[in-house]
Amino acid sequence: MVSKKEALLWDMEHLDTRWSALLHQVLADRPRGFDADETSRPGSVGQPLAFAAYAEAIAAHRREGGEPMSHWSA
């Protein structure tokens, strides 16, 4: 078990570089905390949804017995 920050740093090191900007933004925004009244940045929903689909593809690959993959570029 690791912290969210540690997981983000691992992701930045091991996942496809197309996620770098999103992961850096998340890391930069962490100290701000959550504000239910704050609206999302324009255009900020698509990338996290695409990242979730990417993560699901990795999980499905592993569930099907696939080998762990560093620098996954599915």
N, C-alpha and C. Protein backbone atom coordinates (compact mmCIF):
# COMPACT_ATOMS: atom_id res chain seq x y z
N MET A 1 0.85 -1.16 0.00
CA MET A 1 0.00 0.00 0.00
C MET A 1 0.90 1.23 0.00
N VAL A 2 0.59 2.17 -0.88
CA VAL A 2 1.36 3.41 -0.96
C VAL A 2 0.40 4.60 -0.95
N SER A 3 0.94 5.76 -0.74
CA SER A 3 0.12 6.97 -0.75
C SER A 3 -0.27 7.33 -2.18
N LYS A 4 -1.26 8.19 -2.31
CA LYS A 4 -1.66 8.66 -3.63
C LYS A 4 -0.51 9.38 -4.32
N LYS A 5 0.24 10.18 -3.57
CA LYS A 5 1.38 10.89 -4.15
C LYS A 5 2.41 9.89 -4.66
N GLU A 6 2.73 8.87 -3.87
CA GLU A 6 3.69 7.86 -4.31
C GLU A 6 3.20 7.15 -5.57
N ALA A 7 1.90 6.87 -5.62
CA ALA A 7 1.32 6.22 -6.81
C ALA A 7 1.45 7.13 -8.03
N LEU A 8 1.18 8.41 -7.86
CA LEU A 8 1.33 9.36 -8.97
C LEU A 8 2.77 9.40 -9.47
N LEU A 9 3.71 9.45 -8.54
CA LEU A 9 5.12 9.49 -8.93
C LEU A 9 5.53 8.21 -9.66
N TRP A 10 5.01 7.06 -9.21
CA TRP A 10 5.29 5.80 -9.90
C TRP A 10 4.70 5.84 -11.30
N ASP A 11 3.45 6.30 -11.39
CA ASP A 11 2.80 6.40 -12.70
C ASP A 11 3.61 7.24 -13.67
N MET A 12 4.10 8.39 -13.19
CA MET A 12 4.89 9.28 -14.05
C MET A 12 6.14 8.59 -14.57
N GLU A 13 6.69 7.70 -13.77
CA GLU A 13 7.92 7.00 -14.14
C GLU A 13 7.66 5.81 -15.08
N HIS A 14 6.50 5.14 -14.93
CA HIS A 14 6.31 3.85 -15.60
C HIS A 14 5.24 3.81 -16.68
N LEU A 15 4.32 4.74 -16.69
CA LEU A 15 3.24 4.66 -17.68
C LEU A 15 3.61 5.44 -18.93
N ASP A 16 2.84 5.20 -19.97
CA ASP A 16 3.04 5.86 -21.25
C ASP A 16 3.14 7.38 -21.05
N THR A 17 4.06 8.00 -21.74
CA THR A 17 4.31 9.44 -21.57
C THR A 17 3.13 10.31 -22.00
N ARG A 18 2.17 9.76 -22.73
CA ARG A 18 1.01 10.58 -23.12
C ARG A 18 0.22 11.05 -21.90
N TRP A 19 0.43 10.40 -20.74
CA TRP A 19 -0.30 10.78 -19.53
C TRP A 19 0.48 11.77 -18.67
N SER A 20 1.67 12.14 -19.08
CA SER A 20 2.53 13.00 -18.26
C SER A 20 1.86 14.31 -17.88
N ALA A 21 1.29 15.02 -18.83
CA ALA A 21 0.68 16.32 -18.54
C ALA A 21 -0.46 16.17 -17.52
N LEU A 22 -1.30 15.17 -17.71
CA LEU A 22 -2.41 14.94 -16.79
C LEU A 22 -1.89 14.62 -15.39
N LEU A 23 -0.92 13.73 -15.29
CA LEU A 23 -0.40 13.33 -13.99
C LEU A 23 0.32 14.49 -13.29
N HIS A 24 1.04 15.31 -14.04
CA HIS A 24 1.68 16.48 -13.45
C HIS A 24 0.62 17.47 -12.94
N GLN A 25 -0.46 17.63 -13.69
CA GLN A 25 -1.54 18.53 -13.25
C GLN A 25 -2.16 18.03 -11.96
N VAL A 26 -2.42 16.73 -11.89
CA VAL A 26 -3.00 16.15 -10.68
C VAL A 26 -2.07 16.36 -9.49
N LEU A 27 -0.79 16.11 -9.69
CA LEU A 27 0.18 16.29 -8.61
C LEU A 27 0.23 17.75 -8.16
N ALA A 28 0.22 18.67 -9.11
CA ALA A 28 0.27 20.10 -8.79
C ALA A 28 -0.99 20.55 -8.05
N ASP A 29 -2.13 19.95 -8.38
CA ASP A 29 -3.40 20.35 -7.78
C ASP A 29 -3.66 19.72 -6.42
N ARG A 30 -2.93 18.68 -6.04
CA ARG A 30 -3.20 17.97 -4.78
C ARG A 30 -3.20 18.89 -3.55
N PRO A 31 -2.27 19.83 -3.42
CA PRO A 31 -2.30 20.68 -2.21
C PRO A 31 -3.56 21.55 -2.12
N ARG A 32 -4.24 21.77 -3.23
CA ARG A 32 -5.44 22.60 -3.22
C ARG A 32 -6.59 21.92 -2.50
N GLY A 33 -6.61 20.59 -2.50
CA GLY A 33 -7.70 19.87 -1.86
C GLY A 33 -8.94 19.85 -2.74
N PHE A 34 -10.02 19.34 -2.19
CA PHE A 34 -11.28 19.20 -2.92
C PHE A 34 -12.24 20.31 -2.52
N ASP A 35 -12.84 20.93 -3.50
CA ASP A 35 -13.85 21.96 -3.26
C ASP A 35 -15.06 21.61 -4.12
N ALA A 36 -16.13 21.16 -3.51
CA ALA A 36 -17.33 20.73 -4.24
C ALA A 36 -17.95 21.85 -5.06
N ASP A 37 -17.68 23.09 -4.69
CA ASP A 37 -18.25 24.22 -5.42
C ASP A 37 -17.39 24.69 -6.58
N GLU A 38 -16.18 24.19 -6.68
CA GLU A 38 -15.28 24.60 -7.75
C GLU A 38 -15.64 23.85 -9.04
N THR A 39 -15.72 24.57 -10.13
CA THR A 39 -16.03 23.93 -11.41
C THR A 39 -14.76 23.38 -12.04
N SER A 40 -14.93 22.41 -12.91
CA SER A 40 -13.80 21.81 -13.61
C SER A 40 -13.21 22.80 -14.60
N ARG A 41 -11.94 22.63 -14.88
CA ARG A 41 -11.30 23.43 -15.92
C ARG A 41 -11.92 23.06 -17.26
N PRO A 42 -12.05 24.01 -18.17
CA PRO A 42 -12.59 23.68 -19.49
C PRO A 42 -11.74 22.58 -20.15
N GLY A 43 -12.42 21.58 -20.67
CA GLY A 43 -11.74 20.48 -21.36
C GLY A 43 -11.02 19.51 -20.45
N SER A 44 -11.28 19.55 -19.15
CA SER A 44 -10.50 18.73 -18.22
C SER A 44 -11.11 17.36 -17.96
N VAL A 45 -12.24 17.05 -18.51
CA VAL A 45 -12.90 15.77 -18.22
C VAL A 45 -12.44 14.66 -19.16
N GLY A 46 -12.16 14.98 -20.40
CA GLY A 46 -11.80 13.96 -21.38
C GLY A 46 -10.56 13.16 -21.04
N GLN A 47 -9.50 13.83 -20.63
CA GLN A 47 -8.25 13.14 -20.31
C GLN A 47 -8.40 12.17 -19.15
N PRO A 48 -9.02 12.57 -18.03
CA PRO A 48 -9.19 11.60 -16.95
C PRO A 48 -10.04 10.39 -17.36
N LEU A 49 -11.05 10.61 -18.18
CA LEU A 49 -11.86 9.47 -18.65
C LEU A 49 -11.03 8.55 -19.54
N ALA A 50 -10.21 9.12 -20.39
CA ALA A 50 -9.33 8.31 -21.24
C ALA A 50 -8.31 7.55 -20.39
N PHE A 51 -7.80 8.20 -19.34
CA PHE A 51 -6.85 7.54 -18.44
C PHE A 51 -7.53 6.37 -17.72
N ALA A 52 -8.78 6.56 -17.30
CA ALA A 52 -9.52 5.47 -16.64
C ALA A 52 -9.67 4.28 -17.58
N ALA A 53 -9.96 4.54 -18.86
CA ALA A 53 -10.08 3.45 -19.84
C ALA A 53 -8.73 2.75 -20.02
N TYR A 54 -7.66 3.51 -20.04
CA TYR A 54 -6.30 2.97 -20.14
C TYR A 54 -6.01 2.06 -18.94
N ALA A 55 -6.33 2.53 -17.74
CA ALA A 55 -6.11 1.74 -16.53
C ALA A 55 -6.95 0.46 -16.55
N GLU A 56 -8.17 0.56 -17.04
CA GLU A 56 -9.04 -0.62 -17.14
C GLU A 56 -8.45 -1.64 -18.12
N ALA A 57 -7.87 -1.15 -19.22
CA ALA A 57 -7.25 -2.06 -20.20
C ALA A 57 -6.08 -2.80 -19.56
N ILE A 58 -5.29 -2.10 -18.77
CA ILE A 58 -4.18 -2.76 -18.07
C ILE A 58 -4.71 -3.80 -17.10
N ALA A 59 -5.74 -3.44 -16.33
CA ALA A 59 -6.32 -4.38 -15.35
C ALA A 59 -6.90 -5.61 -16.06
N ALA A 60 -7.58 -5.41 -17.17
CA ALA A 60 -8.15 -6.53 -17.92
C ALA A 60 -7.05 -7.45 -18.43
N HIS A 61 -5.98 -6.86 -18.91
CA HIS A 61 -4.83 -7.63 -19.39
C HIS A 61 -4.28 -8.51 -18.26
N ARG A 62 -4.16 -7.93 -17.07
CA ARG A 62 -3.64 -8.68 -15.92
C ARG A 62 -4.62 -9.76 -15.46
N ARG A 63 -5.93 -9.44 -15.48
CA ARG A 63 -6.94 -10.44 -15.08
C ARG A 63 -6.91 -11.65 -16.00
N GLU A 64 -6.58 -11.42 -17.25
CA GLU A 64 -6.55 -12.50 -18.24
C GLU A 64 -5.22 -13.26 -18.21
N GLY A 65 -4.40 -12.94 -17.23
CA GLY A 65 -3.14 -13.67 -17.07
C GLY A 65 -1.98 -13.05 -17.80
N GLY A 66 -2.13 -11.86 -18.33
CA GLY A 66 -1.05 -11.19 -19.04
C GLY A 66 0.08 -10.81 -18.09
N GLU A 67 1.24 -10.71 -18.64
CA GLU A 67 2.42 -10.33 -17.87
C GLU A 67 2.34 -8.85 -17.49
N PRO A 68 2.92 -8.51 -16.34
CA PRO A 68 3.03 -7.09 -15.99
C PRO A 68 3.82 -6.36 -17.07
N MET A 69 3.43 -5.17 -17.36
CA MET A 69 4.11 -4.41 -18.41
C MET A 69 4.50 -3.05 -17.88
N SER A 70 5.77 -2.75 -17.94
CA SER A 70 6.18 -1.39 -17.60
C SER A 70 6.12 -0.57 -18.89
N HIS A 71 5.91 0.69 -18.77
CA HIS A 71 5.77 1.60 -19.93
C HIS A 71 4.68 1.10 -20.87
N TRP A 72 3.53 0.82 -20.30
CA TRP A 72 2.38 0.32 -21.04
C TRP A 72 1.91 1.35 -22.03
N SER A 73 1.75 0.97 -23.25
CA SER A 73 1.28 1.90 -24.28
C SER A 73 0.10 1.33 -25.05
N ALA A 74 -0.85 0.77 -24.30
CA ALA A 74 -2.04 0.16 -24.94
C ALA A 74 -2.91 1.20 -25.58
